[in-house]
Amino acid sequence: MYEKLNGIVLNTVKYSDRNNIVHVYTDEHGLLSFAVPQGNTRGARMRNAMLMPLSLIEMEARMVPGRDLATMHDLRCKQPLMSTHGDPVKNAIAMFMSEVLVHVIQERERNEALYTYIYNSVEILEHAQRGVANFHICFLIHLGALLGIEPDTATHRDGYWFNMTEGTFVPSAVGLGRYLPPHHAAVIVLLQRMRFDNLHLFKFNRDQRNEVLTIILDYYKLHNSTLGTLRSPEVLKQLFV
């Protein structure tokens, strides 16, 4: 059975001497895995260029019931990402976004809100000019809301601690759980105001931005067991001043 799908490429991994596996987040079926032939022909190189992380594609997909791997046909690029894949900084952000998404998305089912958010984020990154150094922070914050792990900022008060385990703000760090002290808790609240159109208003130096990223990833790991060790954050941490 063939079906026309739109998708966002997450990553490509070697499967055998003949095939790679490409993980694609699709509009109609969530996460799908495709067997894609390797090769060094002109056609293979063109296909590989369309299957870079976060590429926006459309295709005819053949899915066989009972099989984990689908096949793609008539692959087309929906929108070239010249800036994202050509600029070293944006490319590093794209690699980070795709690595996180590979870990946190497991469902093979339609999720229109999540697909739309990721798709729009890719488009915004492609055209972003100001505040790019904060883009990955903003992406994680609002992705968390769609994953059901958004901090409950309504519980915040001045001087409160943040209970990372429960996702709530509390008067003191007592009992079980991971806690952030009040000065870090206040930053968590501030970050909820970050949007892609106001990234440039959040002024962090490298150490501050790296600390924020570490805290957010630690929070993700507490609430998502599939998020293991990531390689791309170390690249990001060296990029921005």
Foldseek 3Di string as FASTA:
>chain_A
DKDKWKWFWQDWACDDPFWIWTWTQIQFFGIAIATDTADDDPVNVVVVQQRDGGFIKIFIWADDPPDRHIHTHPIDGPDDLCQLCPPPLSVLLSNVVSLQCVQQGDGRGHDNVLRVLSNVLSVLSSPDDALSLCSSVLSLQVNCVVSVLHAPCVQDDQFWKAFLLVSYTHNDDDDDGDIDGRVVVVVSVVSNPDDSVCSNVDDDALVRSLVSVVVSLVSVCSVGVRDDDDDSSVVSSPPGD
